[in-house]
Amino acid sequence: MQTRQEILSYGLSFPNTYQDAPFRDPNWQLVRVRGSKKVFLWTYERNEQLCINIKADPEWRDVWRSLYPAVQPGYHQNKEHWNTVILDGTVPTEELKRMIAESYDLVQK
């Protein structure tokens, strides 16, 4: 998954989700859970690179960060609960899917 559309499509494959652009800036596209309106996936370009922000269990947060340099503390978010992933091709698709699914599960709780 290297494009914004691929990422958003995967996020929207989870039950009761929808896409939102709350900042009136097309650069920021989010995927939320209906009802609670909680965001579990942020997409945006920063420094000419596509990035995503995803919620992370604090027990896994540092594991992801240590395994992949492209996984960093959440940009513009609580660094304890959010990671930013730079989509530079270094994080395997299956791992990205796992991180996004975990983010979805965490906001469902």
PDB file of N, CA and C in Angstrom:
ATOM      1  N   MET A   1       0.855  -1.173   0.000  1.00  0.00           N
ATOM      2  CA  MET A   1       0.000   0.000   0.000  1.00  0.00           C
ATOM      3  C   MET A   1       0.902   1.237   0.000  1.00  0.00           C
ATOM      4  N   GLN A   2       0.927   1.906  -1.128  1.00  0.00           N
ATOM      5  CA  GLN A   2       1.789   3.065  -1.254  1.00  0.00           C
ATOM      6  C   GLN A   2       1.046   4.338  -1.632  1.00  0.00           C
ATOM      7  N   THR A   3      -0.220   4.228  -1.995  1.00  0.00           N
ATOM      8  CA  THR A   3      -0.955   5.425  -2.381  1.00  0.00           C
ATOM      9  C   THR A   3      -1.994   5.770  -1.327  1.00  0.00           C
ATOM     10  N   ARG A   4      -2.385   7.035  -1.331  1.00  0.00           N
ATOM     11  CA  ARG A   4      -3.414   7.471  -0.394  1.00  0.00           C
ATOM     12  C   ARG A   4      -4.703   6.681  -0.619  1.00  0.00           C
ATOM     13  N   GLN A   5      -5.060   6.469  -1.898  1.00  0.00           N
ATOM     14  CA  GLN A   5      -6.305   5.760  -2.189  1.00  0.00           C
ATOM     15  C   GLN A   5      -6.271   4.330  -1.659  1.00  0.00           C
ATOM     16  N   GLU A   6      -5.141   3.655  -1.784  1.00  0.00           N
ATOM     17  CA  GLU A   6      -5.022   2.292  -1.242  1.00  0.00           C
ATOM     18  C   GLU A   6      -5.199   2.299   0.278  1.00  0.00           C
ATOM     19  N   ILE A   7      -4.570   3.247   0.931  1.00  0.00           N
ATOM     20  CA  ILE A   7      -4.667   3.348   2.397  1.00  0.00           C
ATOM     21  C   ILE A   7      -6.102   3.651   2.809  1.00  0.00           C
ATOM     22  N   LEU A   8      -6.712   4.657   2.175  1.00  0.00           N
ATOM     23  CA  LEU A   8      -8.088   5.020   2.527  1.00  0.00           C
ATOM     24  C   LEU A   8      -9.048   3.871   2.243  1.00  0.00           C
ATOM     25  N   SER A   9      -8.871   3.193   1.131  1.00  0.00           N
ATOM     26  CA  SER A   9      -9.746   2.054   0.799  1.00  0.00           C
ATOM     27  C   SER A   9      -9.644   0.968   1.858  1.00  0.00           C
ATOM     28  N   TYR A  10      -8.430   0.697   2.305  1.00  0.00           N
ATOM     29  CA  TYR A  10      -8.276  -0.312   3.353  1.00  0.00           C
ATOM     30  C   TYR A  10      -8.956   0.150   4.642  1.00  0.00           C
ATOM     31  N   GLY A  11      -8.748   1.393   5.037  1.00  0.00           N
ATOM     32  CA  GLY A  11      -9.398   1.917   6.242  1.00  0.00           C
ATOM     33  C   GLY A  11     -10.913   1.857   6.144  1.00  0.00           C
ATOM     34  N   LEU A  12     -11.439   2.136   4.976  1.00  0.00           N
ATOM     35  CA  LEU A  12     -12.896   2.119   4.777  1.00  0.00           C
ATOM     36  C   LEU A  12     -13.460   0.710   4.666  1.00  0.00           C
ATOM     37  N   SER A  13     -12.601  -0.291   4.620  1.00  0.00           N
ATOM     38  CA  SER A  13     -13.080  -1.684   4.562  1.00  0.00           C
ATOM     39  C   SER A  13     -13.543  -2.188   5.928  1.00  0.00           C
ATOM     40  N   PHE A  14     -13.226  -1.455   6.994  1.00  0.00           N
ATOM     41  CA  PHE A  14     -13.666  -1.842   8.328  1.00  0.00           C
ATOM     42  C   PHE A  14     -15.127  -1.436   8.520  1.00  0.00           C
ATOM     43  N   PRO A  15     -15.861  -2.164   9.363  1.00  0.00           N
ATOM     44  CA  PRO A  15     -17.288  -1.861   9.562  1.00  0.00           C
ATOM     45  C   PRO A  15     -17.520  -0.450  10.112  1.00  0.00           C
ATOM     46  N   ASN A  16     -18.605   0.160   9.638  1.00  0.00           N
ATOM     47  CA  ASN A  16     -19.083   1.446  10.167  1.00  0.00           C
ATOM     48  C   ASN A  16     -18.045   2.553  10.111  1.00  0.00           C
ATOM     49  N   THR A  17     -17.351   2.678   8.989  1.00  0.00           N
ATOM     50  CA  THR A  17     -16.344   3.721   8.849  1.00  0.00           C
ATOM     51  C   THR A  17     -16.737   4.682   7.727  1.00  0.00           C
ATOM     52  N   TYR A  18     -16.170   5.872   7.772  1.00  0.00           N
ATOM     53  CA  TYR A  18     -16.394   6.846   6.712  1.00  0.00           C
ATOM     54  C   TYR A  18     -15.201   7.783   6.613  1.00  0.00           C
ATOM     55  N   GLN A  19     -15.051   8.378   5.450  1.00  0.00           N
ATOM     56  CA  GLN A  19     -13.960   9.310   5.191  1.00  0.00           C
ATOM     57  C   GLN A  19     -14.406  10.723   5.534  1.00  0.00           C
ATOM     58  N   ASP A  20     -13.474  11.512   6.062  1.00  0.00           N
ATOM     59  CA  ASP A  20     -13.781  12.878   6.468  1.00  0.00           C
ATOM     60  C   ASP A  20     -12.588  13.773   6.150  1.00  0.00           C
ATOM     61  N   ALA A  21     -12.866  15.038   5.874  1.00  0.00           N
ATOM     62  CA  ALA A  21     -11.830  16.059   5.668  1.00  0.00           C
ATOM     63  C   ALA A  21     -12.213  17.269   6.515  1.00  0.00           C
ATOM     64  N   PRO A  22     -12.020  17.198   7.819  1.00  0.00           N
ATOM     65  CA  PRO A  22     -12.561  18.211   8.730  1.00  0.00           C
ATOM     66  C   PRO A  22     -11.865  19.565   8.700  1.00  0.00           C
ATOM     67  N   PHE A  23     -10.705  19.651   8.107  1.00  0.00           N
ATOM     68  CA  PHE A  23      -9.953  20.902   8.163  1.00  0.00           C
ATOM     69  C   PHE A  23     -10.116  21.748   6.905  1.00  0.00           C
ATOM     70  N   ARG A  24     -11.025  21.348   6.029  1.00  0.00           N
ATOM     71  CA  ARG A  24     -11.211  22.033   4.741  1.00  0.00           C
ATOM     72  C   ARG A  24      -9.907  22.122   3.969  1.00  0.00           C
ATOM     73  N   ASP A  25      -9.050  21.164   4.200  1.00  0.00           N
ATOM     74  CA  ASP A  25      -7.762  21.075   3.521  1.00  0.00           C
ATOM     75  C   ASP A  25      -7.696  19.671   2.922  1.00  0.00           C
ATOM     76  N   PRO A  26      -7.717  19.539   1.605  1.00  0.00           N
ATOM     77  CA  PRO A  26      -7.739  18.204   0.999  1.00  0.00           C
ATOM     78  C   PRO A  26      -6.516  17.355   1.327  1.00  0.00           C
ATOM     79  N   ASN A  27      -5.462  17.968   1.851  1.00  0.00           N
ATOM     80  CA  ASN A  27      -4.291  17.198   2.241  1.00  0.00           C
ATOM     81  C   ASN A  27      -4.606  16.261   3.405  1.00  0.00           C
ATOM     82  N   TRP A  28      -5.491  16.659   4.291  1.00  0.00           N
ATOM     83  CA  TRP A  28      -5.827  15.865   5.470  1.00  0.00           C
ATOM     84  C   TRP A  28      -7.111  15.084   5.216  1.00  0.00           C
ATOM     85  N   GLN A  29      -6.973  13.783   5.004  1.00  0.00           N
ATOM     86  CA  GLN A  29      -8.109  12.888   4.808  1.00  0.00           C
ATOM     87  C   GLN A  29      -8.083  11.868   5.943  1.00  0.00           C
ATOM     88  N   LEU A  30      -9.199  11.747   6.652  1.00  0.00           N
ATOM     89  CA  LEU A  30      -9.279  10.880   7.822  1.00  0.00           C
ATOM     90  C   LEU A  30     -10.280   9.766   7.591  1.00  0.00           C
ATOM     91  N   VAL A  31     -10.131   8.690   8.350  1.00  0.00           N
ATOM     92  CA  VAL A  31     -11.155   7.650   8.393  1.00  0.00           C
ATOM     93  C   VAL A  31     -11.619   7.554   9.838  1.00  0.00           C
ATOM     94  N   ARG A  32     -12.936   7.682   9.997  1.00  0.00           N
ATOM     95  CA  ARG A  32     -13.558   7.690  11.327  1.00  0.00           C
ATOM     96  C   ARG A  32     -14.518   6.509  11.474  1.00  0.00           C
ATOM     97  N   VAL A  33     -14.887   6.261  12.725  1.00  0.00           N
ATOM     98  CA  VAL A  33     -15.898   5.256  13.051  1.00  0.00           C
ATOM     99  C   VAL A  33     -17.232   5.978  13.238  1.00  0.00           C
ATOM    100  N   ARG A  34     -18.254   5.503  12.540  1.00  0.00           N
ATOM    101  CA  ARG A  34     -19.592   6.112  12.680  1.00  0.00           C
ATOM    102  C   ARG A  34     -20.060   6.011  14.129  1.00  0.00           C
ATOM    103  N   GLY A  35     -20.856   6.955  14.529  1.00  0.00           N
ATOM    104  CA  GLY A  35     -21.387   6.965  15.894  1.00  0.00           C
ATOM    105  C   GLY A  35     -20.460   7.715  16.829  1.00  0.00           C
ATOM    106  N   SER A  36     -19.307   7.143  17.093  1.00  0.00           N
ATOM    107  CA  SER A  36     -18.360   7.791  18.008  1.00  0.00           C
ATOM    108  C   SER A  36     -17.579   8.914  17.320  1.00  0.00           C
ATOM    109  N   LYS A  37     -17.480   8.870  16.006  1.00  0.00           N
ATOM    110  CA  LYS A  37     -16.704   9.815  15.197  1.00  0.00           C
ATOM    111  C   LYS A  37     -15.211   9.777  15.512  1.00  0.00           C
ATOM    112  N   LYS A  38     -14.752   8.731  16.192  1.00  0.00           N
ATOM    113  CA  LYS A  38     -13.336   8.618  16.525  1.00  0.00           C
ATOM    114  C   LYS A  38     -12.524   8.314  15.271  1.00  0.00           C
ATOM    115  N   VAL A  39     -11.386   8.971  15.179  1.00  0.00           N
ATOM    116  CA  VAL A  39     -10.483   8.782  14.050  1.00  0.00           C
ATOM    117  C   VAL A  39      -9.500   7.666  14.381  1.00  0.00           C
ATOM    118  N   PHE A  40      -9.283   6.756  13.418  1.00  0.00           N
ATOM    119  CA  PHE A  40      -8.261   5.733  13.622  1.00  0.00           C
ATOM    120  C   PHE A  40      -7.198   5.779  12.536  1.00  0.00           C
ATOM    121  N   LEU A  41      -7.426   6.605  11.502  1.00  0.00           N
ATOM    122  CA  LEU A  41      -6.472   6.682  10.404  1.00  0.00           C
ATOM    123  C   LEU A  41      -6.463   8.103   9.826  1.00  0.00           C
ATOM    124  N   TRP A  42      -5.307   8.727   9.861  1.00  0.00           N
ATOM    125  CA  TRP A  42      -5.102  10.057   9.277  1.00  0.00           C
ATOM    126  C   TRP A  42      -4.186   9.875   8.078  1.00  0.00           C
ATOM    127  N   THR A  43      -4.464  10.543   6.971  1.00  0.00           N
ATOM    128  CA  THR A  43      -3.545  10.538   5.833  1.00  0.00           C
ATOM    129  C   THR A  43      -3.238  11.982   5.458  1.00  0.00           C
ATOM    130  N   TYR A  44      -1.985  12.222   5.087  1.00  0.00           N
ATOM    131  CA  TYR A  44      -1.555  13.566   4.701  1.00  0.00           C
ATOM    132  C   TYR A  44      -0.177  13.487   4.065  1.00  0.00           C
ATOM    133  N   GLU A  45       0.181  14.523   3.324  1.00  0.00           N
ATOM    134  CA  GLU A  45       1.529  14.631   2.784  1.00  0.00           C
ATOM    135  C   GLU A  45       2.296  15.651   3.605  1.00  0.00           C
ATOM    136  N   ARG A  46       3.529  15.293   3.909  1.00  0.00           N
ATOM    137  CA  ARG A  46       4.409  16.168   4.687  1.00  0.00           C
ATOM    138  C   ARG A  46       5.812  15.999   4.142  1.00  0.00           C
ATOM    139  N   ASN A  47       6.471  17.083   3.859  1.00  0.00           N
ATOM    140  CA  ASN A  47       7.812  17.036   3.275  1.00  0.00           C
ATOM    141  C   ASN A  47       7.854  16.173   2.010  1.00  0.00           C
ATOM    142  N   GLU A  48       6.810  16.326   1.201  1.00  0.00           N
ATOM    143  CA  GLU A  48       6.677  15.623  -0.078  1.00  0.00           C
ATOM    144  C   GLU A  48       6.607  14.100   0.065  1.00  0.00           C
ATOM    145  N   GLN A  49       6.187  13.625   1.239  1.00  0.00           N
ATOM    146  CA  GLN A  49       6.011  12.191   1.468  1.00  0.00           C
ATOM    147  C   GLN A  49       4.618  11.940   2.030  1.00  0.00           C
ATOM    148  N   LEU A  50       3.992  10.858   1.571  1.00  0.00           N
ATOM    149  CA  LEU A  50       2.697  10.464   2.106  1.00  0.00           C
ATOM    150  C   LEU A  50       2.912   9.832   3.478  1.00  0.00           C
ATOM    151  N   CYS A  51       2.090  10.260   4.446  1.00  0.00           N
ATOM    152  CA  CYS A  51       2.200   9.759   5.816  1.00  0.00           C
ATOM    153  C   CYS A  51       0.826   9.339   6.318  1.00  0.00           C
ATOM    154  N   ILE A  52       0.831   8.454   7.290  1.00  0.00           N
ATOM    155  CA  ILE A  52      -0.395   8.115   8.003  1.00  0.00           C
ATOM    156  C   ILE A  52      -0.116   8.222   9.493  1.00  0.00           C
ATOM    157  N   ASN A  53      -1.136   8.585  10.236  1.00  0.00           N
ATOM    158  CA  ASN A  53      -1.088   8.531  11.694  1.00  0.00           C
ATOM    159  C   ASN A  53      -2.075   7.463  12.124  1.00  0.00           C
ATOM    160  N   ILE A  54      -1.618   6.607  13.022  1.00  0.00           N
ATOM    161  CA  ILE A  54      -2.454   5.521  13.521  1.00  0.00           C
ATOM    162  C   ILE A  54      -2.263   5.384  15.021  1.00  0.00           C
ATOM    163  N   LYS A  55      -3.349   5.046  15.678  1.00  0.00           N
ATOM    164  CA  LYS A  55      -3.296   4.832  17.126  1.00  0.00           C
ATOM    165  C   LYS A  55      -2.518   3.542  17.385  1.00  0.00           C
ATOM    166  N   ALA A  56      -1.731   3.538  18.451  1.00  0.00           N
ATOM    167  CA  ALA A  56      -0.905   2.367  18.761  1.00  0.00           C
ATOM    168  C   ALA A  56      -1.002   2.039  20.238  1.00  0.00           C
ATOM    169  N   ASP A  57      -1.109   0.772  20.527  1.00  0.00           N
ATOM    170  CA  ASP A  57      -1.059   0.310  21.907  1.00  0.00           C
ATOM    171  C   ASP A  57       0.321   0.668  22.450  1.00  0.00           C
ATOM    172  N   PRO A  58       0.410   1.293  23.615  1.00  0.00           N
ATOM    173  CA  PRO A  58       1.720   1.673  24.154  1.00  0.00           C
ATOM    174  C   PRO A  58       2.706   0.507  24.251  1.00  0.00           C
ATOM    175  N   GLU A  59       2.207  -0.722  24.401  1.00  0.00           N
ATOM    176  CA  GLU A  59       3.106  -1.876  24.459  1.00  0.00           C
ATOM    177  C   GLU A  59       3.746  -2.162  23.103  1.00  0.00           C
ATOM    178  N   TRP A  60       3.067  -1.817  22.020  1.00  0.00           N
ATOM    179  CA  TRP A  60       3.569  -2.067  20.663  1.00  0.00           C
ATOM    180  C   TRP A  60       4.192  -0.829  20.033  1.00  0.00           C
ATOM    181  N   ARG A  61       3.826   0.335  20.526  1.00  0.00           N
ATOM    182  CA  ARG A  61       4.286   1.598  19.945  1.00  0.00           C
ATOM    183  C   ARG A  61       5.793   1.607  19.708  1.00  0.00           C
ATOM    184  N   ASP A  62       6.563   1.282  20.732  1.00  0.00           N
ATOM    185  CA  ASP A  62       8.015   1.340  20.631  1.00  0.00           C
ATOM    186  C   ASP A  62       8.583   0.185  19.809  1.00  0.00           C
ATOM    187  N   VAL A  63       7.876  -0.933  19.781  1.00  0.00           N
ATOM    188  CA  VAL A  63       8.315  -2.054  18.943  1.00  0.00           C
ATOM    189  C   VAL A  63       8.303  -1.619  17.482  1.00  0.00           C
ATOM    190  N   TRP A  64       7.169  -1.025  17.059  1.00  0.00           N
ATOM    191  CA  TRP A  64       7.074  -0.559  15.667  1.00  0.00           C
ATOM    192  C   TRP A  64       8.159   0.470  15.374  1.00  0.00           C
ATOM    193  N   ARG A  65       8.359   1.382  16.296  1.00  0.00           N
ATOM    194  CA  ARG A  65       9.352   2.441  16.081  1.00  0.00           C
ATOM    195  C   ARG A  65      10.765   1.887  15.990  1.00  0.00           C
ATOM    196  N   SER A  66      11.048   0.835  16.748  1.00  0.00           N
ATOM    197  CA  SER A  66      12.398   0.268  16.710  1.00  0.00           C
ATOM    198  C   SER A  66      12.616  -0.623  15.480  1.00  0.00           C
ATOM    199  N   LEU A  67      11.554  -1.241  14.982  1.00  0.00           N
ATOM    200  CA  LEU A  67      11.689  -2.119  13.811  1.00  0.00           C
ATOM    201  C   LEU A  67      11.828  -1.350  12.506  1.00  0.00           C
ATOM    202  N   TYR A  68      11.145  -0.217  12.409  1.00  0.00           N
ATOM    203  CA  TYR A  68      11.090   0.524  11.152  1.00  0.00           C
ATOM    204  C   TYR A  68      11.382   2.005  11.385  1.00  0.00           C
ATOM    205  N   PRO A  69      12.459   2.532  10.816  1.00  0.00           N
ATOM    206  CA  PRO A  69      12.744   3.964  10.950  1.00  0.00           C
ATOM    207  C   PRO A  69      11.622   4.854  10.406  1.00  0.00           C
ATOM    208  N   ALA A  70      10.807   4.328   9.502  1.00  0.00           N
ATOM    209  CA  ALA A  70       9.692   5.104   8.942  1.00  0.00           C
ATOM    210  C   ALA A  70       8.544   5.266   9.933  1.00  0.00           C
ATOM    211  N   VAL A  71       8.588   4.539  11.048  1.00  0.00           N
ATOM    212  CA  VAL A  71       7.561   4.676  12.090  1.00  0.00           C
ATOM    213  C   VAL A  71       8.127   5.582  13.178  1.00  0.00           C
ATOM    214  N   GLN A  72       7.443   6.690  13.390  1.00  0.00           N
ATOM    215  CA  GLN A  72       7.917   7.723  14.303  1.00  0.00           C
ATOM    216  C   GLN A  72       6.801   8.145  15.246  1.00  0.00           C
ATOM    217  N   PRO A  73       7.139   8.885  16.304  1.00  0.00           N
ATOM    218  CA  PRO A  73       6.080   9.404  17.177  1.00  0.00           C
ATOM    219  C   PRO A  73       5.072  10.221  16.373  1.00  0.00           C
ATOM    220  N   GLY A  74       3.814  10.147  16.761  1.00  0.00           N
ATOM    221  CA  GLY A  74       2.728  10.775  16.017  1.00  0.00           C
ATOM    222  C   GLY A  74       2.919  12.265  15.779  1.00  0.00           C
ATOM    223  N   TYR A  75       2.887  12.645  14.513  1.00  0.00           N
ATOM    224  CA  TYR A  75       3.006  14.051  14.125  1.00  0.00           C
ATOM    225  C   TYR A  75       1.724  14.786  14.505  1.00  0.00           C
ATOM    226  N   HIS A  76       1.843  15.823  15.309  1.00  0.00           N
ATOM    227  CA  HIS A  76       0.716  16.648  15.776  1.00  0.00           C
ATOM    228  C   HIS A  76      -0.273  15.858  16.636  1.00  0.00           C
ATOM    229  N   GLN A  77       0.190  14.793  17.266  1.00  0.00           N
ATOM    230  CA  GLN A  77      -0.700  13.999  18.115  1.00  0.00           C
ATOM    231  C   GLN A  77       0.048  13.535  19.354  1.00  0.00           C
ATOM    232  N   ASN A  78      -0.692  12.951  20.279  1.00  0.00           N
ATOM    233  CA  ASN A  78      -0.121  12.439  21.514  1.00  0.00           C
ATOM    234  C   ASN A  78       0.904  11.356  21.173  1.00  0.00           C
ATOM    235  N   LYS A  79       2.155  11.617  21.505  1.00  0.00           N
ATOM    236  CA  LYS A  79       3.255  10.710  21.139  1.00  0.00           C
ATOM    237  C   LYS A  79       3.180   9.375  21.869  1.00  0.00           C
ATOM    238  N   GLU A  80       2.424   9.331  22.957  1.00  0.00           N
ATOM    239  CA  GLU A  80       2.294   8.090  23.713  1.00  0.00           C
ATOM    240  C   GLU A  80       1.326   7.115  23.050  1.00  0.00           C
ATOM    241  N   HIS A  81       0.351   7.645  22.325  1.00  0.00           N
ATOM    242  CA  HIS A  81      -0.705   6.792  21.780  1.00  0.00           C
ATOM    243  C   HIS A  81      -0.778   6.758  20.263  1.00  0.00           C
ATOM    244  N   TRP A  82       0.024   7.579  19.564  1.00  0.00           N
ATOM    245  CA  TRP A  82      -0.061   7.656  18.110  1.00  0.00           C
ATOM    246  C   TRP A  82       1.311   7.531  17.476  1.00  0.00           C
ATOM    247  N   ASN A  83       1.344   6.805  16.357  1.00  0.00           N
ATOM    248  CA  ASN A  83       2.542   6.715  15.525  1.00  0.00           C
ATOM    249  C   ASN A  83       2.260   7.336  14.174  1.00  0.00           C
ATOM    250  N   THR A  84       3.280   7.895  13.585  1.00  0.00           N
ATOM    251  CA  THR A  84       3.256   8.335  12.197  1.00  0.00           C
ATOM    252  C   THR A  84       4.071   7.322  11.410  1.00  0.00           C
ATOM    253  N   VAL A  85       3.540   6.915  10.267  1.00  0.00           N
ATOM    254  CA  VAL A  85       4.276   6.029   9.368  1.00  0.00           C
ATOM    255  C   VAL A  85       4.477   6.787   8.059  1.00  0.00           C
ATOM    256  N   ILE A  86       5.734   6.946   7.681  1.00  0.00           N
ATOM    257  CA  ILE A  86       6.066   7.538   6.389  1.00  0.00           C
ATOM    258  C   ILE A  86       6.001   6.409   5.360  1.00  0.00           C
ATOM    259  N   LEU A  87       5.172   6.585   4.346  1.00  0.00           N
ATOM    260  CA  LEU A  87       4.983   5.523   3.357  1.00  0.00           C
ATOM    261  C   LEU A  87       6.067   5.611   2.287  1.00  0.00           C
ATOM    262  N   ASP A  88       7.253   5.159   2.684  1.00  0.00           N
ATOM    263  CA  ASP A  88       8.413   5.194   1.792  1.00  0.00           C
ATOM    264  C   ASP A  88       8.756   3.820   1.230  1.00  0.00           C
ATOM    265  N   GLY A  89       7.897   2.829   1.495  1.00  0.00           N
ATOM    266  CA  GLY A  89       8.124   1.486   0.970  1.00  0.00           C
ATOM    267  C   GLY A  89       8.911   0.572   1.891  1.00  0.00           C
ATOM    268  N   THR A  90       9.350   1.083   3.043  1.00  0.00           N
ATOM    269  CA  THR A  90      10.170   0.256   3.928  1.00  0.00           C
ATOM    270  C   THR A  90       9.355  -0.582   4.920  1.00  0.00           C
ATOM    271  N   VAL A  91       8.090  -0.236   5.107  1.00  0.00           N
ATOM    272  CA  VAL A  91       7.224  -1.014   5.999  1.00  0.00           C
ATOM    273  C   VAL A  91       6.361  -1.915   5.112  1.00  0.00           C
ATOM    274  N   PRO A  92       6.470  -3.235   5.286  1.00  0.00           N
ATOM    275  CA  PRO A  92       5.696  -4.155   4.447  1.00  0.00           C
ATOM    276  C   PRO A  92       4.188  -3.926   4.563  1.00  0.00           C
ATOM    277  N   THR A  93       3.489  -4.173   3.473  1.00  0.00           N
ATOM    278  CA  THR A  93       2.040  -3.970   3.420  1.00  0.00           C
ATOM    279  C   THR A  93       1.317  -4.705   4.533  1.00  0.00           C
ATOM    280  N   GLU A  94       1.691  -5.939   4.793  1.00  0.00           N
ATOM    281  CA  GLU A  94       1.005  -6.703   5.845  1.00  0.00           C
ATOM    282  C   GLU A  94       1.174  -6.056   7.206  1.00  0.00           C
ATOM    283  N   GLU A  95       2.336  -5.463   7.454  1.00  0.00           N
ATOM    284  CA  GLU A  95       2.567  -4.770   8.725  1.00  0.00           C
ATOM    285  C   GLU A  95       1.721  -3.494   8.791  1.00  0.00           C
ATOM    286  N   LEU A  96       1.633  -2.751   7.668  1.00  0.00           N
ATOM    287  CA  LEU A  96       0.778  -1.564   7.635  1.00  0.00           C
ATOM    288  C   LEU A  96      -0.665  -1.937   7.934  1.00  0.00           C
ATOM    289  N   LYS A  97      -1.128  -3.014   7.314  1.00  0.00           N
ATOM    290  CA  LYS A  97      -2.503  -3.461   7.547  1.00  0.00           C
ATOM    291  C   LYS A  97      -2.707  -3.825   9.007  1.00  0.00           C
ATOM    292  N   ARG A  98      -1.728  -4.475   9.580  1.00  0.00           N
ATOM    293  CA  ARG A  98      -1.826  -4.862  11.000  1.00  0.00           C
ATOM    294  C   ARG A  98      -1.904  -3.627  11.896  1.00  0.00           C
ATOM    295  N   MET A  99      -1.085  -2.617  11.607  1.00  0.00           N
ATOM    296  CA  MET A  99      -1.096  -1.392  12.408  1.00  0.00           C
ATOM    297  C   MET A  99      -2.432  -0.662  12.280  1.00  0.00           C
ATOM    298  N   ILE A 100      -2.964  -0.592  11.062  1.00  0.00           N
ATOM    299  CA  ILE A 100      -4.244   0.094  10.848  1.00  0.00           C
ATOM    300  C   ILE A 100      -5.371  -0.665  11.546  1.00  0.00           C
ATOM    301  N   ALA A 101      -5.359  -1.984  11.453  1.00  0.00           N
ATOM    302  CA  ALA A 101      -6.380  -2.805  12.118  1.00  0.00           C
ATOM    303  C   ALA A 101      -6.303  -2.630  13.634  1.00  0.00           C
ATOM    304  N   GLU A 102      -5.095  -2.567  14.168  1.00  0.00           N
ATOM    305  CA  GLU A 102      -4.935  -2.352  15.606  1.00  0.00           C
ATOM    306  C   GLU A 102      -5.478  -0.977  16.006  1.00  0.00           C
ATOM    307  N   SER A 103      -5.223   0.024  15.187  1.00  0.00           N
ATOM    308  CA  SER A 103      -5.735   1.369  15.453  1.00  0.00           C
ATOM    309  C   SER A 103      -7.256   1.357  15.492  1.00  0.00           C
ATOM    310  N   TYR A 104      -7.871   0.686  14.516  1.00  0.00           N
ATOM    311  CA  TYR A 104      -9.322   0.568  14.467  1.00  0.00           C
ATOM    312  C   TYR A 104      -9.840  -0.092  15.759  1.00  0.00           C
ATOM    313  N   ASP A 105      -9.208  -1.214  16.148  1.00  0.00           N
ATOM    314  CA  ASP A 105      -9.628  -1.924  17.353  1.00  0.00           C
ATOM    315  C   ASP A 105      -9.501  -1.037  18.602  1.00  0.00           C
ATOM    316  N   LEU A 106      -8.431  -0.266  18.677  1.00  0.00           N
ATOM    317  CA  LEU A 106      -8.228   0.580  19.861  1.00  0.00           C
ATOM    318  C   LEU A 106      -9.280   1.670  19.997  1.00  0.00           C
ATOM    319  N   VAL A 107      -9.733   2.256  18.901  1.00  0.00           N
ATOM    320  CA  VAL A 107     -10.765   3.296  19.029  1.00  0.00           C
ATOM    321  C   VAL A 107     -12.147   2.698  19.227  1.00  0.00           C
ATOM    322  N   GLN A 108     -12.302   1.427  18.979  1.00  0.00           N
ATOM    323  CA  GLN A 108     -13.585   0.747  19.202  1.00  0.00           C
ATOM    324  C   GLN A 108     -13.807   0.469  20.678  1.00  0.00           C
ATOM    325  N   LYS A 109     -12.721   0.400  21.442  1.00  0.00           N
ATOM    326  CA  LYS A 109     -12.848   0.064  22.872  1.00  0.00           C
ATOM    327  C   LYS A 109     -13.475   1.185  23.651  1.00  0.00           C
TER     328      LYS A 109
END
